[in-house]
Amino acid sequence: MAWLTVRGDELIVRLAWWEKIVARRGDVEVPLCAVTMASVEPSWRRVLRGTPGRGMWIPGALCLGVREHAGTRDFVAIRPRKLPVTRIDLHSTASPFARIVISDRVPQTTAAMVRSILHRLPDGSGQLNVPTAPAPKPAWLPGSSPAPCPTAGP
């Protein structure tokens, strides 16, 4: 089933190859600055909203794809037998989706990971607020001599 990862300043929903075929789309990538809330929902039925769109909807077995709701879209990757689910709410203006919901083996850990990353984001910025040390500059470039170049004579 789908899983959440973070790469740089993006939250990514990785899909298995068969999920990409069923959902008729690739991995879902949204900027971290668009995330407003990450939580765990005990009931998968409570997070589904709107009407089913592109994807596969088998009640009680698989909900995978995009749902349309009041002019916004939600991305859903749920196996109803796997409880609970991870719910990520997003700013619909900064993201193609208003909500992402996935079934996860460890939803509490996934939601906590996203929340901890959100605490490192400064307000209103799309950049992570992670202290980084400047990269050391090499005294010389690899493949070249550390000695200065001789000047051409007269």
C-alpha atoms as a PDB file:
ATOM      1  CA  MET A   1       0.000   0.000   0.000  1.00  0.00           C
ATOM      2  CA  ALA A   2       1.005   3.646  -0.282  1.00  0.00           C
ATOM      3  CA  TRP A   3       3.418   5.235   2.195  1.00  0.00           C
ATOM      4  CA  LEU A   4       4.495   8.776   3.071  1.00  0.00           C
ATOM      5  CA  THR A   5       8.061  10.039   2.764  1.00  0.00           C
ATOM      6  CA  VAL A   6       9.717  13.435   2.947  1.00  0.00           C
ATOM      7  CA  ARG A   7      12.361  14.514   0.447  1.00  0.00           C
ATOM      8  CA  GLY A   8      13.740  18.014   0.816  1.00  0.00           C
ATOM      9  CA  ASP A   9      10.800  20.392   1.052  1.00  0.00           C
ATOM     10  CA  GLU A  10       8.227  17.940  -0.341  1.00  0.00           C
ATOM     11  CA  LEU A  11       5.857  15.432   1.192  1.00  0.00           C
ATOM     12  CA  ILE A  12       5.579  12.460  -1.152  1.00  0.00           C
ATOM     13  CA  VAL A  13       2.992   9.689  -1.249  1.00  0.00           C
ATOM     14  CA  ARG A  14       4.782   6.736  -2.827  1.00  0.00           C
ATOM     15  CA  LEU A  15       2.552   4.337  -4.687  1.00  0.00           C
ATOM     16  CA  ALA A  16       3.267   0.749  -5.649  1.00  0.00           C
ATOM     17  CA  TRP A  17       3.303   0.017  -9.376  1.00  0.00           C
ATOM     18  CA  TRP A  18      -0.172  -1.514  -9.334  1.00  0.00           C
ATOM     19  CA  GLU A  19      -1.540   1.456  -7.363  1.00  0.00           C
ATOM     20  CA  LYS A  20      -0.220   3.831 -10.021  1.00  0.00           C
ATOM     21  CA  ILE A  21      -2.121   1.856 -12.651  1.00  0.00           C
ATOM     22  CA  VAL A  22      -5.345   1.723 -10.620  1.00  0.00           C
ATOM     23  CA  ALA A  23      -5.206   5.404  -9.600  1.00  0.00           C
ATOM     24  CA  ARG A  24      -4.069   6.380 -13.121  1.00  0.00           C
ATOM     25  CA  ARG A  25      -1.402   8.702 -11.732  1.00  0.00           C
ATOM     26  CA  GLY A  26       2.142   8.681 -10.385  1.00  0.00           C
ATOM     27  CA  ASP A  27       3.406   9.466  -6.908  1.00  0.00           C
ATOM     28  CA  VAL A  28       1.723  12.436  -5.208  1.00  0.00           C
ATOM     29  CA  GLU A  29       4.106  15.282  -4.340  1.00  0.00           C
ATOM     30  CA  VAL A  30       3.052  18.334  -2.310  1.00  0.00           C
ATOM     31  CA  PRO A  31       5.173  21.075  -0.734  1.00  0.00           C
ATOM     32  CA  LEU A  32       5.643  20.800   3.034  1.00  0.00           C
ATOM     33  CA  CYS A  33       4.591  24.427   3.426  1.00  0.00           C
ATOM     34  CA  ALA A  34       1.087  23.378   2.251  1.00  0.00           C
ATOM     35  CA  VAL A  35       0.605  20.923   5.147  1.00  0.00           C
ATOM     36  CA  THR A  36      -1.656  22.314   7.864  1.00  0.00           C
ATOM     37  CA  MET A  37      -2.326  19.243  10.005  1.00  0.00           C
ATOM     38  CA  ALA A  38      -1.349  15.592  10.352  1.00  0.00           C
ATOM     39  CA  SER A  39      -3.526  13.277  12.416  1.00  0.00           C
ATOM     40  CA  VAL A  40      -4.622   9.697  12.900  1.00  0.00           C
ATOM     41  CA  GLU A  41      -8.264   8.842  12.271  1.00  0.00           C
ATOM     42  CA  PRO A  42      -9.626   5.655  13.827  1.00  0.00           C
ATOM     43  CA  SER A  43     -12.396   5.283  11.221  1.00  0.00           C
ATOM     44  CA  TRP A  44     -11.647   5.319   7.504  1.00  0.00           C
ATOM     45  CA  ARG A  45     -15.288   6.170   6.733  1.00  0.00           C
ATOM     46  CA  ARG A  46     -15.072   9.514   8.527  1.00  0.00           C
ATOM     47  CA  VAL A  47     -12.308  10.854   6.278  1.00  0.00           C
ATOM     48  CA  LEU A  48     -13.947  10.045   2.952  1.00  0.00           C
ATOM     49  CA  ARG A  49     -15.808  13.036   1.593  1.00  0.00           C
ATOM     50  CA  GLY A  50     -17.251  14.064  -1.733  1.00  0.00           C
ATOM     51  CA  THR A  51     -17.826  11.898  -4.751  1.00  0.00           C
ATOM     52  CA  PRO A  52     -15.459   9.287  -6.174  1.00  0.00           C
ATOM     53  CA  GLY A  53     -13.460  10.451  -9.163  1.00  0.00           C
ATOM     54  CA  ARG A  54     -10.572   8.866 -10.992  1.00  0.00           C
ATOM     55  CA  GLY A  55      -9.432   5.616  -9.382  1.00  0.00           C
ATOM     56  CA  MET A  56     -10.942   2.424  -7.975  1.00  0.00           C
ATOM     57  CA  TRP A  57     -13.674   2.343  -5.338  1.00  0.00           C
ATOM     58  CA  ILE A  58     -14.601  -1.073  -3.950  1.00  0.00           C
ATOM     59  CA  PRO A  59     -16.611  -0.548  -0.740  1.00  0.00           C
ATOM     60  CA  GLY A  60     -15.036  -2.364   2.190  1.00  0.00           C
ATOM     61  CA  ALA A  61     -11.994  -3.494   0.168  1.00  0.00           C
ATOM     62  CA  LEU A  62     -10.126  -0.647  -1.573  1.00  0.00           C
ATOM     63  CA  CYS A  63     -10.486   3.119  -1.973  1.00  0.00           C
ATOM     64  CA  LEU A  64      -7.722   4.454  -4.217  1.00  0.00           C
ATOM     65  CA  GLY A  65      -7.705   7.639  -6.258  1.00  0.00           C
ATOM     66  CA  VAL A  66      -9.024  11.180  -6.301  1.00  0.00           C
ATOM     67  CA  ARG A  67     -12.301  12.319  -4.739  1.00  0.00           C
ATOM     68  CA  GLU A  68     -14.027  15.600  -5.629  1.00  0.00           C
ATOM     69  CA  HIS A  69     -15.438  17.659  -2.754  1.00  0.00           C
ATOM     70  CA  ALA A  70     -16.834  21.221  -2.917  1.00  0.00           C
ATOM     71  CA  GLY A  71     -14.447  22.385  -5.618  1.00  0.00           C
ATOM     72  CA  THR A  72     -11.411  20.690  -4.059  1.00  0.00           C
ATOM     73  CA  ARG A  73      -9.814  17.297  -4.515  1.00  0.00           C
ATOM     74  CA  ASP A  74      -8.676  14.700  -1.982  1.00  0.00           C
ATOM     75  CA  PHE A  75      -6.199  11.910  -2.659  1.00  0.00           C
ATOM     76  CA  VAL A  76      -7.166   8.664  -0.956  1.00  0.00           C
ATOM     77  CA  ALA A  77      -5.263   5.364  -0.666  1.00  0.00           C
ATOM     78  CA  ILE A  78      -7.190   3.285   1.867  1.00  0.00           C
ATOM     79  CA  ARG A  79      -7.575  -0.381   2.550  1.00  0.00           C
ATOM     80  CA  PRO A  80     -10.605  -0.334   4.857  1.00  0.00           C
ATOM     81  CA  ARG A  81      -9.583  -3.499   6.688  1.00  0.00           C
ATOM     82  CA  LYS A  82      -6.364  -1.781   7.836  1.00  0.00           C
ATOM     83  CA  LEU A  83      -7.297   0.553  10.672  1.00  0.00           C
ATOM     84  CA  PRO A  84      -6.625   3.375  11.494  1.00  0.00           C
ATOM     85  CA  VAL A  85      -5.592   5.805   8.712  1.00  0.00           C
ATOM     86  CA  THR A  86      -3.234   8.788   8.456  1.00  0.00           C
ATOM     87  CA  ARG A  87      -4.877  12.068   7.458  1.00  0.00           C
ATOM     88  CA  ILE A  88      -2.898  15.044   6.110  1.00  0.00           C
ATOM     89  CA  ASP A  89      -4.792  18.322   5.606  1.00  0.00           C
ATOM     90  CA  LEU A  90      -3.356  20.796   3.090  1.00  0.00           C
ATOM     91  CA  HIS A  91      -3.843  24.378   1.906  1.00  0.00           C
ATOM     92  CA  SER A  92      -5.734  23.846  -1.319  1.00  0.00           C
ATOM     93  CA  THR A  93      -4.174  26.995  -2.813  1.00  0.00           C
ATOM     94  CA  ALA A  94      -0.603  25.702  -2.361  1.00  0.00           C
ATOM     95  CA  SER A  95      -1.336  22.093  -3.285  1.00  0.00           C
ATOM     96  CA  PRO A  96      -3.339  20.224  -5.923  1.00  0.00           C
ATOM     97  CA  PHE A  97      -5.170  18.442  -3.079  1.00  0.00           C
ATOM     98  CA  ALA A  98      -6.992  19.596   0.059  1.00  0.00           C
ATOM     99  CA  ARG A  99      -6.472  16.308   1.908  1.00  0.00           C
ATOM    100  CA  ILE A 100      -4.373  13.152   1.656  1.00  0.00           C
ATOM    101  CA  VAL A 101      -5.542   9.999   3.438  1.00  0.00           C
ATOM    102  CA  ILE A 102      -3.591   6.738   3.443  1.00  0.00           C
ATOM    103  CA  SER A 103      -3.749   3.401   5.210  1.00  0.00           C
ATOM    104  CA  ASP A 104      -0.500   2.939   7.055  1.00  0.00           C
ATOM    105  CA  ARG A 105       1.026   0.154   9.132  1.00  0.00           C
ATOM    106  CA  VAL A 106       2.123   2.647  11.779  1.00  0.00           C
ATOM    107  CA  PRO A 107      -0.146   5.708  11.379  1.00  0.00           C
ATOM    108  CA  GLN A 108       0.806   7.205  14.758  1.00  0.00           C
ATOM    109  CA  THR A 109       4.493   7.203  13.808  1.00  0.00           C
ATOM    110  CA  THR A 110       3.809   8.642  10.349  1.00  0.00           C
ATOM    111  CA  ALA A 111       1.628  11.457  11.684  1.00  0.00           C
ATOM    112  CA  ALA A 112       4.187  12.229  14.421  1.00  0.00           C
ATOM    113  CA  MET A 113       6.973  12.374  11.806  1.00  0.00           C
ATOM    114  CA  VAL A 114       5.025  14.882   9.690  1.00  0.00           C
ATOM    115  CA  ARG A 115       4.135  16.967  12.772  1.00  0.00           C
ATOM    116  CA  SER A 116       7.787  17.091  13.875  1.00  0.00           C
ATOM    117  CA  ILE A 117       8.808  18.304  10.418  1.00  0.00           C
ATOM    118  CA  LEU A 118       6.077  20.952  10.522  1.00  0.00           C
ATOM    119  CA  HIS A 119       7.527  22.335  13.761  1.00  0.00           C
ATOM    120  CA  ARG A 120      10.798  22.973  11.921  1.00  0.00           C
ATOM    121  CA  LEU A 121       9.067  25.066   9.238  1.00  0.00           C
ATOM    122  CA  PRO A 122       9.089  28.829   9.788  1.00  0.00           C
ATOM    123  CA  ASP A 123       5.735  30.565   9.322  1.00  0.00           C
ATOM    124  CA  GLY A 124       4.938  31.575   5.775  1.00  0.00           C
ATOM    125  CA  SER A 125       8.102  30.127   4.275  1.00  0.00           C
ATOM    126  CA  GLY A 126       8.534  27.141   2.032  1.00  0.00           C
ATOM    127  CA  GLN A 127      11.986  26.349   3.370  1.00  0.00           C
ATOM    128  CA  LEU A 128      12.826  24.000   6.212  1.00  0.00           C
ATOM    129  CA  ASN A 129      14.331  25.713   9.233  1.00  0.00           C
ATOM    130  CA  VAL A 130      17.126  23.197   9.766  1.00  0.00           C
ATOM    131  CA  PRO A 131      20.472  24.546  10.946  1.00  0.00           C
ATOM    132  CA  THR A 132      23.149  23.524   8.504  1.00  0.00           C
ATOM    133  CA  ALA A 133      26.878  24.021   8.683  1.00  0.00           C
ATOM    134  CA  PRO A 134      28.515  25.476   5.615  1.00  0.00           C
ATOM    135  CA  ALA A 135      30.201  22.891   3.461  1.00  0.00           C
ATOM    136  CA  PRO A 136      33.975  22.984   3.777  1.00  0.00           C
ATOM    137  CA  LYS A 137      35.669  24.266   0.660  1.00  0.00           C
ATOM    138  CA  PRO A 138      38.498  22.121  -0.653  1.00  0.00           C
ATOM    139  CA  ALA A 139      41.945  23.710  -0.746  1.00  0.00           C
ATOM    140  CA  TRP A 140      42.226  22.448  -4.277  1.00  0.00           C
ATOM    141  CA  LEU A 141      39.946  20.850  -6.792  1.00  0.00           C
ATOM    142  CA  PRO A 142      40.098  17.079  -7.210  1.00  0.00           C
ATOM    143  CA  GLY A 143      42.129  16.109 -10.250  1.00  0.00           C
ATOM    144  CA  SER A 144      44.276  19.208 -10.175  1.00  0.00           C
ATOM    145  CA  SER A 145      47.506  20.062  -8.424  1.00  0.00           C
ATOM    146  CA  PRO A 146      47.317  21.959  -5.134  1.00  0.00           C
ATOM    147  CA  ALA A 147      50.313  24.027  -6.257  1.00  0.00           C
ATOM    148  CA  PRO A 148      49.634  27.332  -7.973  1.00  0.00           C
ATOM    149  CA  CYS A 149      49.809  27.408 -11.740  1.00  0.00           C
ATOM    150  CA  PRO A 150      53.121  28.621 -13.123  1.00  0.00           C
ATOM    151  CA  THR A 151      52.899  31.815 -15.087  1.00  0.00           C
ATOM    152  CA  ALA A 152      54.030  31.831 -18.678  1.00  0.00           C
ATOM    153  CA  GLY A 153      57.478  33.326 -19.130  1.00  0.00           C
ATOM    154  CA  PRO A 154      58.441  36.068 -21.613  1.00  0.00           C
END
